[in-house]
Amino acid sequence: MEFKQSIGLVAHDNKKDDLVEWAAFNRGTLALRNLYATGTTGNRLIDRTGLKVNLLKSGPYGGDMELGAMIANGKLDYLIFFWDPLQAHPHDVDVKALLRIAVLYNVPTACNRATADLMISSPLFQNTGKKMGNEPL
């Protein structure tokens, strides 16, 4: 049985349209992976791209923490989190915790479109036959 990579997708309000546009452009590549997204972001992705997305809670209601738990349990291989550095967020502590756990477990993380493009165009990303190492550093 071939392994299917899992990708977490999340975006702050001012970056949701950017993520949806990026996902639509990369629909064919993303459709081959298991996708997980926080509530509002995931619903927009489903509505506007037709991708199959496993929905988690909205970020402020625990969705960021759900993604972090998936990383800690080795169930998420990549994180694409378009966050807004110019906007204050009431759940900022959860955002920082998610980014911290992604770094701790050595999960490739893209925080903007340029990095997401580099990530999915990498030959390493194309390797769907085996799981990447998600061990704490």
N, C-alpha and C. Protein backbone atom coordinates (compact mmCIF):
# COMPACT_ATOMS: atom_id res chain seq x y z
N MET A 1 0.84 -1.19 0.00
CA MET A 1 0.00 0.00 0.00
C MET A 1 0.89 1.25 0.00
N GLU A 2 0.62 2.15 -0.91
CA GLU A 2 1.43 3.36 -1.03
C GLU A 2 0.98 4.40 -0.03
N PHE A 3 1.96 5.06 0.55
CA PHE A 3 1.71 6.13 1.51
C PHE A 3 1.21 7.38 0.80
N LYS A 4 0.23 8.05 1.37
CA LYS A 4 -0.32 9.29 0.81
C LYS A 4 0.00 10.42 1.79
N GLN A 5 0.79 11.37 1.36
CA GLN A 5 1.20 12.48 2.22
C GLN A 5 0.01 13.30 2.69
N SER A 6 0.16 13.87 3.88
CA SER A 6 -0.88 14.72 4.47
C SER A 6 -0.37 16.14 4.60
N ILE A 7 -1.24 17.08 4.24
CA ILE A 7 -0.88 18.50 4.27
C ILE A 7 -1.91 19.25 5.10
N GLY A 8 -1.43 20.07 6.02
CA GLY A 8 -2.28 20.97 6.78
C GLY A 8 -2.33 22.32 6.10
N LEU A 9 -3.52 22.87 5.95
CA LEU A 9 -3.72 24.16 5.29
C LEU A 9 -4.48 25.09 6.22
N VAL A 10 -3.92 26.28 6.41
CA VAL A 10 -4.57 27.26 7.28
C VAL A 10 -4.15 28.65 6.81
N ALA A 11 -5.03 29.62 6.97
CA ALA A 11 -4.71 30.99 6.59
C ALA A 11 -5.49 31.96 7.47
N HIS A 12 -4.83 33.03 7.82
CA HIS A 12 -5.53 34.10 8.52
C HIS A 12 -6.50 34.79 7.56
N ASP A 13 -7.45 35.52 8.11
CA ASP A 13 -8.52 36.13 7.30
C ASP A 13 -7.99 36.90 6.09
N ASN A 14 -7.00 37.74 6.28
CA ASN A 14 -6.48 38.56 5.19
C ASN A 14 -5.66 37.76 4.18
N LYS A 15 -5.40 36.49 4.47
CA LYS A 15 -4.59 35.65 3.58
C LYS A 15 -5.38 34.48 3.00
N LYS A 16 -6.64 34.34 3.37
CA LYS A 16 -7.45 33.22 2.89
C LYS A 16 -7.60 33.22 1.37
N ASP A 17 -7.85 34.37 0.78
CA ASP A 17 -7.98 34.43 -0.67
C ASP A 17 -6.68 34.04 -1.36
N ASP A 18 -5.55 34.43 -0.79
CA ASP A 18 -4.25 34.04 -1.35
C ASP A 18 -4.09 32.52 -1.32
N LEU A 19 -4.45 31.91 -0.21
CA LEU A 19 -4.31 30.46 -0.09
C LEU A 19 -5.25 29.74 -1.05
N VAL A 20 -6.48 30.22 -1.17
CA VAL A 20 -7.44 29.60 -2.08
C VAL A 20 -6.94 29.71 -3.53
N GLU A 21 -6.44 30.88 -3.90
CA GLU A 21 -5.91 31.06 -5.25
C GLU A 21 -4.72 30.13 -5.50
N TRP A 22 -3.83 30.02 -4.52
CA TRP A 22 -2.67 29.13 -4.63
C TRP A 22 -3.13 27.67 -4.77
N ALA A 23 -4.08 27.27 -3.95
CA ALA A 23 -4.58 25.89 -3.98
C ALA A 23 -5.27 25.59 -5.31
N ALA A 24 -6.01 26.54 -5.83
CA ALA A 24 -6.68 26.34 -7.13
C ALA A 24 -5.64 26.14 -8.23
N PHE A 25 -4.58 26.93 -8.20
CA PHE A 25 -3.52 26.81 -9.19
C PHE A 25 -2.82 25.45 -9.09
N ASN A 26 -2.70 24.93 -7.86
CA ASN A 26 -1.99 23.67 -7.62
C ASN A 26 -2.95 22.51 -7.34
N ARG A 27 -4.18 22.64 -7.80
CA ARG A 27 -5.23 21.66 -7.51
C ARG A 27 -4.82 20.24 -7.85
N GLY A 28 -4.25 20.02 -9.01
CA GLY A 28 -3.88 18.67 -9.43
C GLY A 28 -2.90 18.01 -8.48
N THR A 29 -1.91 18.75 -8.04
CA THR A 29 -0.91 18.23 -7.10
C THR A 29 -1.54 17.99 -5.73
N LEU A 30 -2.34 18.93 -5.26
CA LEU A 30 -2.95 18.81 -3.93
C LEU A 30 -3.97 17.69 -3.88
N ALA A 31 -4.66 17.44 -4.97
CA ALA A 31 -5.70 16.39 -5.00
C ALA A 31 -5.12 15.01 -4.74
N LEU A 32 -3.82 14.84 -4.91
CA LEU A 32 -3.17 13.54 -4.69
C LEU A 32 -2.78 13.33 -3.23
N ARG A 33 -3.03 14.31 -2.38
CA ARG A 33 -2.65 14.24 -0.97
C ARG A 33 -3.88 14.27 -0.08
N ASN A 34 -3.68 13.88 1.19
CA ASN A 34 -4.72 14.04 2.21
C ASN A 34 -4.61 15.48 2.70
N LEU A 35 -5.69 16.22 2.60
CA LEU A 35 -5.68 17.62 3.00
C LEU A 35 -6.49 17.82 4.27
N TYR A 36 -5.94 18.60 5.17
CA TYR A 36 -6.61 18.96 6.42
C TYR A 36 -6.56 20.47 6.53
N ALA A 37 -7.67 21.07 6.90
CA ALA A 37 -7.69 22.53 7.02
C ALA A 37 -8.57 22.95 8.18
N THR A 38 -8.22 24.09 8.74
CA THR A 38 -9.06 24.66 9.77
C THR A 38 -10.37 25.12 9.14
N GLY A 39 -11.41 25.23 9.95
CA GLY A 39 -12.79 25.42 9.51
C GLY A 39 -13.07 26.37 8.38
N THR A 40 -12.89 27.66 8.60
CA THR A 40 -13.24 28.64 7.59
C THR A 40 -12.37 28.50 6.35
N THR A 41 -11.08 28.30 6.55
CA THR A 41 -10.17 28.11 5.43
C THR A 41 -10.57 26.89 4.62
N GLY A 42 -10.85 25.79 5.31
CA GLY A 42 -11.23 24.56 4.64
C GLY A 42 -12.51 24.68 3.84
N ASN A 43 -13.49 25.34 4.40
CA ASN A 43 -14.76 25.54 3.68
C ASN A 43 -14.55 26.37 2.42
N ARG A 44 -13.73 27.40 2.50
CA ARG A 44 -13.43 28.20 1.30
C ARG A 44 -12.72 27.36 0.25
N LEU A 45 -11.77 26.53 0.69
CA LEU A 45 -11.04 25.67 -0.25
C LEU A 45 -12.00 24.71 -0.96
N ILE A 46 -12.89 24.11 -0.21
CA ILE A 46 -13.85 23.16 -0.79
C ILE A 46 -14.75 23.88 -1.78
N ASP A 47 -15.32 25.02 -1.37
CA ASP A 47 -16.26 25.77 -2.22
C ASP A 47 -15.62 26.27 -3.50
N ARG A 48 -14.39 26.72 -3.42
CA ARG A 48 -13.78 27.41 -4.57
C ARG A 48 -12.84 26.54 -5.40
N THR A 49 -12.43 25.37 -4.86
CA THR A 49 -11.51 24.52 -5.63
C THR A 49 -12.06 23.14 -5.91
N GLY A 50 -13.06 22.71 -5.13
CA GLY A 50 -13.59 21.37 -5.28
C GLY A 50 -12.69 20.29 -4.69
N LEU A 51 -11.61 20.68 -4.03
CA LEU A 51 -10.72 19.71 -3.41
C LEU A 51 -11.41 19.02 -2.24
N LYS A 52 -11.04 17.77 -2.01
CA LYS A 52 -11.53 17.06 -0.83
C LYS A 52 -10.64 17.48 0.35
N VAL A 53 -11.26 18.09 1.34
CA VAL A 53 -10.53 18.61 2.49
C VAL A 53 -11.18 18.09 3.77
N ASN A 54 -10.38 17.54 4.65
CA ASN A 54 -10.85 17.13 5.97
C ASN A 54 -10.88 18.37 6.86
N LEU A 55 -12.07 18.70 7.35
CA LEU A 55 -12.23 19.93 8.13
C LEU A 55 -11.95 19.72 9.61
N LEU A 56 -11.19 20.66 10.15
CA LEU A 56 -10.94 20.72 11.59
C LEU A 56 -11.73 21.91 12.13
N LYS A 57 -11.58 22.18 13.40
CA LYS A 57 -12.24 23.34 13.98
C LYS A 57 -11.62 24.62 13.40
N SER A 58 -12.32 25.72 13.52
CA SER A 58 -11.78 27.01 13.14
C SER A 58 -10.55 27.28 14.01
N GLY A 59 -9.57 28.01 13.47
CA GLY A 59 -8.34 28.28 14.21
C GLY A 59 -8.53 28.78 15.63
N PRO A 60 -9.31 29.85 15.85
CA PRO A 60 -9.49 30.36 17.20
C PRO A 60 -10.23 29.41 18.14
N TYR A 61 -10.90 28.40 17.59
CA TYR A 61 -11.65 27.44 18.40
C TYR A 61 -10.92 26.11 18.56
N GLY A 62 -9.64 26.10 18.24
CA GLY A 62 -8.84 24.90 18.47
C GLY A 62 -8.28 24.24 17.24
N GLY A 63 -8.60 24.75 16.06
CA GLY A 63 -8.10 24.14 14.83
C GLY A 63 -6.58 24.16 14.71
N ASP A 64 -5.96 25.27 15.14
CA ASP A 64 -4.50 25.35 15.12
C ASP A 64 -3.91 24.28 16.03
N MET A 65 -4.54 24.08 17.17
CA MET A 65 -4.05 23.07 18.11
C MET A 65 -4.27 21.67 17.57
N GLU A 66 -5.37 21.45 16.84
CA GLU A 66 -5.59 20.14 16.22
C GLU A 66 -4.49 19.83 15.22
N LEU A 67 -4.11 20.82 14.41
CA LEU A 67 -3.01 20.61 13.46
C LEU A 67 -1.72 20.31 14.21
N GLY A 68 -1.47 21.03 15.31
CA GLY A 68 -0.28 20.77 16.12
C GLY A 68 -0.26 19.36 16.67
N ALA A 69 -1.41 18.88 17.12
CA ALA A 69 -1.49 17.51 17.63
C ALA A 69 -1.22 16.50 16.53
N MET A 70 -1.71 16.78 15.33
CA MET A 70 -1.45 15.88 14.20
C MET A 70 0.04 15.82 13.91
N ILE A 71 0.71 16.96 13.97
CA ILE A 71 2.15 16.98 13.76
C ILE A 71 2.85 16.16 14.84
N ALA A 72 2.50 16.39 16.10
CA ALA A 72 3.15 15.69 17.21
C ALA A 72 2.91 14.18 17.14
N ASN A 73 1.80 13.77 16.54
CA ASN A 73 1.49 12.35 16.43
C ASN A 73 1.94 11.76 15.09
N GLY A 74 2.71 12.51 14.32
CA GLY A 74 3.25 12.01 13.05
C GLY A 74 2.22 11.84 11.96
N LYS A 75 1.12 12.58 12.02
CA LYS A 75 0.04 12.43 11.04
C LYS A 75 -0.04 13.57 10.04
N LEU A 76 0.91 14.49 10.09
CA LEU A 76 0.93 15.60 9.15
C LEU A 76 2.35 15.75 8.62
N ASP A 77 2.49 15.74 7.30
CA ASP A 77 3.80 15.77 6.68
C ASP A 77 4.25 17.17 6.27
N TYR A 78 3.30 18.05 5.99
CA TYR A 78 3.59 19.41 5.56
C TYR A 78 2.58 20.35 6.19
N LEU A 79 3.00 21.58 6.42
CA LEU A 79 2.10 22.61 6.91
C LEU A 79 2.21 23.83 6.01
N ILE A 80 1.09 24.26 5.49
CA ILE A 80 1.04 25.48 4.70
C ILE A 80 0.14 26.45 5.46
N PHE A 81 0.76 27.47 6.02
CA PHE A 81 0.07 28.39 6.91
C PHE A 81 0.36 29.82 6.44
N PHE A 82 -0.58 30.36 5.67
CA PHE A 82 -0.44 31.74 5.22
C PHE A 82 -0.91 32.65 6.35
N TRP A 83 0.03 33.12 7.15
CA TRP A 83 -0.35 33.97 8.28
C TRP A 83 -0.09 35.43 7.95
N ASP A 84 -0.81 36.27 8.64
CA ASP A 84 -0.77 37.71 8.39
C ASP A 84 0.11 38.38 9.44
N PRO A 85 1.31 38.82 9.05
CA PRO A 85 2.22 39.43 10.03
C PRO A 85 1.82 40.85 10.42
N LEU A 86 0.84 41.43 9.75
CA LEU A 86 0.46 42.81 10.03
C LEU A 86 -0.81 42.94 10.86
N GLN A 87 -1.41 41.82 11.21
CA GLN A 87 -2.68 41.83 11.94
C GLN A 87 -2.51 41.15 13.29
N ALA A 88 -3.06 41.76 14.34
CA ALA A 88 -3.07 41.13 15.66
C ALA A 88 -4.16 40.05 15.68
N HIS A 89 -3.88 38.95 16.35
CA HIS A 89 -4.83 37.84 16.42
C HIS A 89 -5.06 37.44 17.87
N PRO A 90 -6.33 37.30 18.28
CA PRO A 90 -6.61 36.95 19.67
C PRO A 90 -6.07 35.57 20.05
N HIS A 91 -5.89 34.69 19.07
CA HIS A 91 -5.37 33.36 19.36
C HIS A 91 -3.90 33.23 18.95
N ASP A 92 -3.17 34.34 19.06
CA ASP A 92 -1.77 34.39 18.65
C ASP A 92 -0.92 33.33 19.35
N VAL A 93 -1.26 33.03 20.59
CA VAL A 93 -0.50 32.01 21.33
C VAL A 93 -0.64 30.64 20.65
N ASP A 94 -1.81 30.35 20.09
CA ASP A 94 -2.02 29.09 19.37
C ASP A 94 -1.23 29.07 18.07
N VAL A 95 -1.18 30.20 17.40
CA VAL A 95 -0.42 30.31 16.15
C VAL A 95 1.05 30.04 16.42
N LYS A 96 1.58 30.68 17.46
CA LYS A 96 2.99 30.47 17.81
C LYS A 96 3.25 29.03 18.22
N ALA A 97 2.31 28.43 18.93
CA ALA A 97 2.48 27.03 19.34
C ALA A 97 2.50 26.11 18.13
N LEU A 98 1.63 26.37 17.15
CA LEU A 98 1.60 25.55 15.94
C LEU A 98 2.92 25.67 15.18
N LEU A 99 3.40 26.88 14.99
CA LEU A 99 4.66 27.06 14.28
C LEU A 99 5.83 26.45 15.05
N ARG A 100 5.79 26.55 16.37
CA ARG A 100 6.83 25.96 17.21
C ARG A 100 6.86 24.44 17.05
N ILE A 101 5.70 23.81 17.11
CA ILE A 101 5.64 22.34 17.02
C ILE A 101 6.05 21.86 15.63
N ALA A 102 5.73 22.65 14.60
CA ALA A 102 6.15 22.29 13.24
C ALA A 102 7.67 22.30 13.13
N VAL A 103 8.30 23.31 13.72
CA VAL A 103 9.77 23.38 13.71
C VAL A 103 10.35 22.26 14.57
N LEU A 104 9.79 22.05 15.74
CA LEU A 104 10.29 21.01 16.65
C LEU A 104 10.28 19.63 16.01
N TYR A 105 9.22 19.33 15.25
CA TYR A 105 9.09 18.01 14.62
C TYR A 105 9.61 17.99 13.17
N ASN A 106 10.30 19.05 12.79
CA ASN A 106 10.96 19.08 11.48
C ASN A 106 9.99 18.89 10.32
N VAL A 107 8.82 19.50 10.44
CA VAL A 107 7.80 19.42 9.39
C VAL A 107 7.98 20.62 8.46
N PRO A 108 8.17 20.37 7.17
CA PRO A 108 8.30 21.48 6.23
C PRO A 108 7.09 22.40 6.33
N THR A 109 7.37 23.70 6.48
CA THR A 109 6.31 24.68 6.72
C THR A 109 6.48 25.86 5.78
N ALA A 110 5.40 26.22 5.11
CA ALA A 110 5.39 27.38 4.23
C ALA A 110 4.46 28.43 4.81
N CYS A 111 4.96 29.64 4.97
CA CYS A 111 4.16 30.72 5.54
C CYS A 111 3.75 31.76 4.52
N ASN A 112 4.11 31.55 3.27
CA ASN A 112 3.70 32.47 2.21
C ASN A 112 3.71 31.73 0.88
N ARG A 113 3.19 32.38 -0.13
CA ARG A 113 3.04 31.73 -1.44
C ARG A 113 4.37 31.32 -2.05
N ALA A 114 5.38 32.16 -1.94
CA ALA A 114 6.69 31.83 -2.53
C ALA A 114 7.26 30.56 -1.92
N THR A 115 7.17 30.44 -0.61
CA THR A 115 7.70 29.24 0.05
C THR A 115 6.84 28.02 -0.26
N ALA A 116 5.54 28.20 -0.34
CA ALA A 116 4.66 27.08 -0.70
C ALA A 116 4.97 26.59 -2.11
N ASP A 117 5.23 27.53 -3.03
CA ASP A 117 5.61 27.14 -4.39
C ASP A 117 6.91 26.35 -4.40
N LEU A 118 7.89 26.82 -3.65
CA LEU A 118 9.16 26.09 -3.57
C LEU A 118 8.96 24.69 -2.98
N MET A 119 8.13 24.61 -1.95
CA MET A 119 7.90 23.33 -1.29
C MET A 119 7.30 22.30 -2.25
N ILE A 120 6.21 22.66 -2.92
CA ILE A 120 5.54 21.65 -3.73
C ILE A 120 6.24 21.39 -5.07
N SER A 121 7.16 22.26 -5.44
CA SER A 121 7.91 22.01 -6.67
C SER A 121 9.21 21.24 -6.41
N SER A 122 9.51 20.99 -5.16
CA SER A 122 10.72 20.24 -4.80
C SER A 122 10.58 18.77 -5.21
N PRO A 123 11.66 18.16 -5.70
CA PRO A 123 11.62 16.72 -5.98
C PRO A 123 11.29 15.90 -4.73
N LEU A 124 11.65 16.40 -3.56
CA LEU A 124 11.34 15.69 -2.32
C LEU A 124 9.83 15.62 -2.08
N PHE A 125 9.10 16.64 -2.50
CA PHE A 125 7.66 16.66 -2.33
C PHE A 125 6.99 15.61 -3.21
N GLN A 126 7.58 15.34 -4.35
CA GLN A 126 7.00 14.40 -5.30
C GLN A 126 7.09 12.96 -4.82
N ASN A 127 7.90 12.70 -3.81
CA ASN A 127 8.07 11.34 -3.29
C ASN A 127 6.88 10.96 -2.42
N THR A 128 5.86 10.41 -3.03
CA THR A 128 4.65 10.03 -2.28
C THR A 128 4.73 8.60 -1.75
N GLY A 129 5.80 7.89 -2.07
CA GLY A 129 5.90 6.49 -1.67
C GLY A 129 6.35 6.24 -0.26
N LYS A 130 6.90 7.24 0.42
CA LYS A 130 7.33 7.02 1.80
C LYS A 130 7.16 8.28 2.63
N LYS A 131 7.02 8.05 3.91
CA LYS A 131 6.79 9.14 4.86
C LYS A 131 8.09 9.84 5.17
N MET A 132 8.02 11.17 5.29
CA MET A 132 9.20 11.93 5.72
C MET A 132 9.34 11.76 7.22
N GLY A 133 10.54 11.98 7.72
CA GLY A 133 10.79 11.86 9.16
C GLY A 133 10.17 12.99 9.93
N ASN A 134 9.35 12.67 10.91
CA ASN A 134 8.74 13.68 11.76
C ASN A 134 9.16 13.45 13.20
N GLU A 135 10.46 13.35 13.41
CA GLU A 135 10.98 13.16 14.75
C GLU A 135 11.36 14.52 15.32
N PRO A 136 11.20 14.71 16.64
CA PRO A 136 11.61 15.99 17.23
C PRO A 136 13.10 16.20 17.00
N LEU A 137 13.49 17.45 16.79
CA LEU A 137 14.91 17.78 16.60
C LEU A 137 15.67 17.66 17.88
